[in-house]
Protein backbone atom coordinates (compact mmCIF):
# COMPACT_ATOMS: atom_id res chain seq x y z
CA UNK A 1 71.20 145.67 100.31
CA UNK A 2 73.27 146.44 97.41
CA UNK A 3 75.97 148.86 97.47
CA UNK A 4 77.26 149.48 94.11
CA UNK A 5 80.70 151.44 94.48
CA UNK A 6 81.80 149.91 97.56
CA UNK A 7 81.00 145.79 95.84
CA UNK A 8 82.61 147.01 92.69
CA UNK A 9 85.60 148.03 94.62
CA UNK A 10 85.46 144.68 95.44
CA UNK A 11 85.23 142.91 93.01
CA UNK A 12 88.04 144.43 91.32
CA UNK A 13 90.40 143.27 93.99
CA UNK A 14 89.14 140.03 93.48
CA UNK A 15 89.72 139.85 89.44
CA UNK A 16 93.52 140.30 91.00
CA UNK A 17 93.29 137.09 92.14
CA UNK A 18 96.23 134.52 91.05
CA UNK A 19 94.36 131.26 92.38
CA UNK A 20 90.59 130.81 92.50
CA UNK A 21 88.90 131.06 96.00
CA UNK A 22 87.84 127.26 97.61
CA UNK A 23 84.15 126.42 96.06
CA UNK A 24 83.02 123.79 98.35
CA UNK A 25 81.84 124.01 101.76
CA UNK A 26 84.47 122.05 102.92
CA UNK A 27 87.39 123.86 101.50
CA UNK A 28 86.31 127.01 102.72
CA UNK A 29 85.26 125.89 106.38
CA UNK A 30 89.08 124.72 106.26
CA UNK A 31 90.11 127.36 104.99
CA UNK A 32 88.50 129.51 108.04
CA UNK A 33 90.02 127.17 110.34
CA UNK A 34 93.29 127.85 109.44
CA UNK A 35 93.54 131.43 109.09
CA UNK A 36 91.41 131.67 113.00
CA UNK A 37 93.69 129.11 114.15
CA UNK A 38 90.41 127.41 115.37
CA UNK A 39 86.90 126.09 114.79
CA UNK A 40 85.77 128.11 118.06
CA UNK A 41 86.64 131.57 116.35
CA UNK A 42 85.06 130.09 113.40
CA UNK A 43 82.18 129.44 114.65
CA UNK A 44 81.87 133.11 116.88
CA UNK A 45 82.30 134.64 113.10
CA UNK A 46 79.57 132.60 110.96
CA UNK A 47 77.15 132.31 114.20
CA UNK A 48 76.88 128.74 114.39
CA UNK A 49 78.09 125.99 116.66
CA UNK A 50 81.93 124.52 117.12
CA UNK A 51 80.55 121.14 116.07
CA UNK A 52 78.71 122.55 113.02
CA UNK A 53 81.85 123.88 111.87
CA UNK A 54 83.62 120.90 112.83
CA UNK A 55 81.13 118.73 110.50
CA UNK A 56 81.86 121.03 107.61
CA UNK A 57 85.73 120.67 108.24
CA UNK A 58 85.33 116.57 107.93
CA UNK A 59 82.94 116.37 105.32
CA UNK A 60 80.10 115.36 107.17
CA UNK A 61 77.87 118.27 106.34
CA UNK A 62 78.60 119.09 102.56
CA UNK A 63 75.45 121.65 101.39
CA UNK A 64 75.12 124.69 103.92
CA UNK A 65 71.82 126.76 104.09
CA UNK A 66 71.77 130.15 101.88
CA UNK A 67 72.28 132.34 104.97
CA UNK A 68 75.68 130.39 106.24
CA UNK A 69 77.01 129.86 102.31
CA UNK A 70 77.06 133.63 101.64
CA UNK A 71 78.50 134.44 104.88
CA UNK A 72 81.15 131.91 104.24
CA UNK A 73 82.08 132.95 101.18
CA UNK A 74 82.10 136.98 102.00
CA UNK A 75 84.59 136.12 104.82
CA UNK A 76 86.40 133.41 102.66
CA UNK A 77 86.80 136.48 99.91
CA UNK A 78 87.87 138.92 102.83
CA UNK A 79 90.74 137.00 103.43
CA UNK A 80 91.65 135.10 100.50
CA UNK A 81 95.37 136.15 99.32
CA UNK A 82 95.32 138.98 101.23
CA UNK A 83 99.18 140.65 99.84
CA UNK A 84 97.71 140.06 95.95
CA UNK A 85 94.65 142.51 96.89
CA UNK A 86 96.99 144.65 98.91
CA UNK A 87 99.37 144.70 96.03
CA UNK A 88 96.88 145.85 93.25
CA UNK A 89 95.01 148.16 95.37
CA UNK A 90 98.52 149.76 95.76
CA UNK A 91 98.98 149.84 91.99
CA UNK A 92 95.77 151.15 91.25
CA UNK A 93 96.36 153.68 93.82
CA UNK A 94 100.03 154.84 92.95
CA UNK A 95 100.66 154.35 89.71
CA UNK A 96 97.63 153.01 87.26
CA UNK A 97 94.23 154.03 88.51
CA UNK A 98 91.12 152.26 88.12
CA UNK A 99 88.17 152.64 85.40
CA UNK A 100 84.74 153.32 86.32
CA UNK A 101 82.19 152.18 83.69
CA UNK A 102 78.37 152.60 84.83
CA UNK A 103 74.94 153.84 83.46
CA UNK A 104 73.64 156.01 85.92
CA UNK A 105 71.51 159.47 86.07
CA UNK A 106 73.26 162.26 86.01
CA UNK A 107 72.09 165.33 86.90
CA UNK A 108 74.06 168.85 87.21
CA UNK A 109 74.75 172.15 89.47
CA UNK A 110 75.48 174.64 87.36
CA UNK A 111 75.37 178.36 86.18
CA UNK A 112 71.21 179.41 85.53
CA UNK A 113 70.36 179.13 82.09
CA UNK A 114 72.27 176.00 81.26
CA UNK A 115 71.27 172.38 80.54
CA UNK A 116 71.54 170.76 84.33
CA UNK A 117 68.21 168.24 83.81
CA UNK A 118 69.41 164.55 85.33
CA UNK A 119 69.22 161.81 82.53
CA UNK A 120 70.97 158.14 82.33
CA UNK A 121 74.20 158.15 81.04
CA UNK A 122 77.06 155.11 79.96
CA UNK A 123 79.81 156.38 80.83
CA UNK A 124 83.26 154.58 80.76
CA UNK A 125 86.06 156.44 82.22
CA UNK A 126 89.70 156.41 83.46
CA UNK A 127 90.33 157.78 86.74
CA UNK A 128 93.60 158.94 88.37
CA UNK A 129 95.42 157.15 90.82
CA UNK A 130 94.62 159.52 93.33
CA UNK A 131 90.67 159.22 92.92
CA UNK A 132 91.31 155.55 93.47
CA UNK A 133 93.49 156.16 96.80
CA UNK A 134 90.46 157.94 97.74
CA UNK A 135 87.58 155.21 97.45
CA UNK A 136 89.81 152.38 98.47
CA UNK A 137 90.98 154.57 101.87
CA UNK A 138 87.22 155.39 102.47
CA UNK A 139 86.13 151.61 101.58
CA UNK A 140 88.64 150.80 104.34
CA UNK A 141 88.02 153.23 106.56
CA UNK A 142 84.00 151.75 107.22
CA UNK A 143 82.69 155.08 104.89
CA UNK A 144 79.02 154.52 103.62
CA UNK A 145 77.72 153.82 100.10
CA UNK A 146 76.78 157.32 99.81
CA UNK A 147 80.26 158.64 100.66
CA UNK A 148 81.94 156.55 97.77
CA UNK A 149 79.01 157.53 95.47
CA UNK A 150 80.39 160.94 96.30
CA UNK A 151 83.89 160.44 96.00
CA UNK A 152 83.23 158.52 92.62
CA UNK A 153 80.72 161.71 91.20
CA UNK A 154 83.62 163.90 91.99
CA UNK A 155 86.06 161.54 89.87
CA UNK A 156 84.11 161.48 87.04
CA UNK A 157 83.04 165.57 87.20
CA UNK A 158 86.69 166.40 87.56
CA UNK A 159 87.96 163.87 84.65
CA UNK A 160 85.15 163.54 82.29
CA UNK A 161 82.67 166.57 82.80
CA UNK A 162 85.20 169.42 83.66
CA UNK A 163 87.87 167.73 81.58
CA UNK A 164 90.68 168.06 84.35
CA UNK A 165 89.45 171.64 85.28
CA UNK A 166 89.91 173.12 81.49
CA UNK A 167 86.39 173.60 81.12
CA UNK A 168 82.50 173.95 83.33
CA UNK A 169 84.28 175.42 86.07
CA UNK A 170 81.71 174.96 89.38
CA UNK A 171 79.77 172.46 87.62
CA UNK A 172 78.51 169.91 90.37
CA UNK A 173 77.76 166.73 89.55
CA UNK A 174 74.86 164.37 91.13
CA UNK A 175 75.03 160.64 90.76
CA UNK A 176 71.95 158.43 91.24
CA UNK A 177 69.78 156.03 90.60
CA UNK A 178 73.04 153.44 89.81
CA UNK A 179 71.29 151.15 86.93
CA UNK A 180 75.23 149.64 86.64
CA UNK A 181 78.73 150.40 87.63
CA UNK A 182 82.02 147.67 86.82
CA UNK A 183 85.37 149.05 88.33
CA UNK A 184 88.22 147.62 87.06
CA UNK A 185 91.98 148.06 87.80
């Protein structure tokens, strides 16, 4: 299942990496074995036998099936350069904020007689650090995609549609049918 906001946050942190993530199955397995202190823990994590992990580490096996390859890439990506990731998150949450570039359908809840029909818009908007902090904190606490989209919609509503509460007071923004979403730090 695709989670545009959650995956966008993960991608934005991966862009902060200073070294490339291991690409080969052998390098990924070796990294995971080092991180998890042994082949048994890696085998449990990936849902394979301990012997399979050992074969990848020694280079006897080189090409994992698609499901295993995707799990390995996800697990390595989550553990790669944690201090760099934490530093980038802290910088976005305290000083820099983030840039949200999205093509989605926006609908509005507003006073009667106003234009509130949903329509597709392309927006690129810088969000203040407190919005970045809310998004990252919610993601770390296990928030679902729906909640992340609500937070992003609130951020866009305040900074773009209401211009920092200087216009369109009380305008509620609905953020649906996401076609494309990129998050930059």
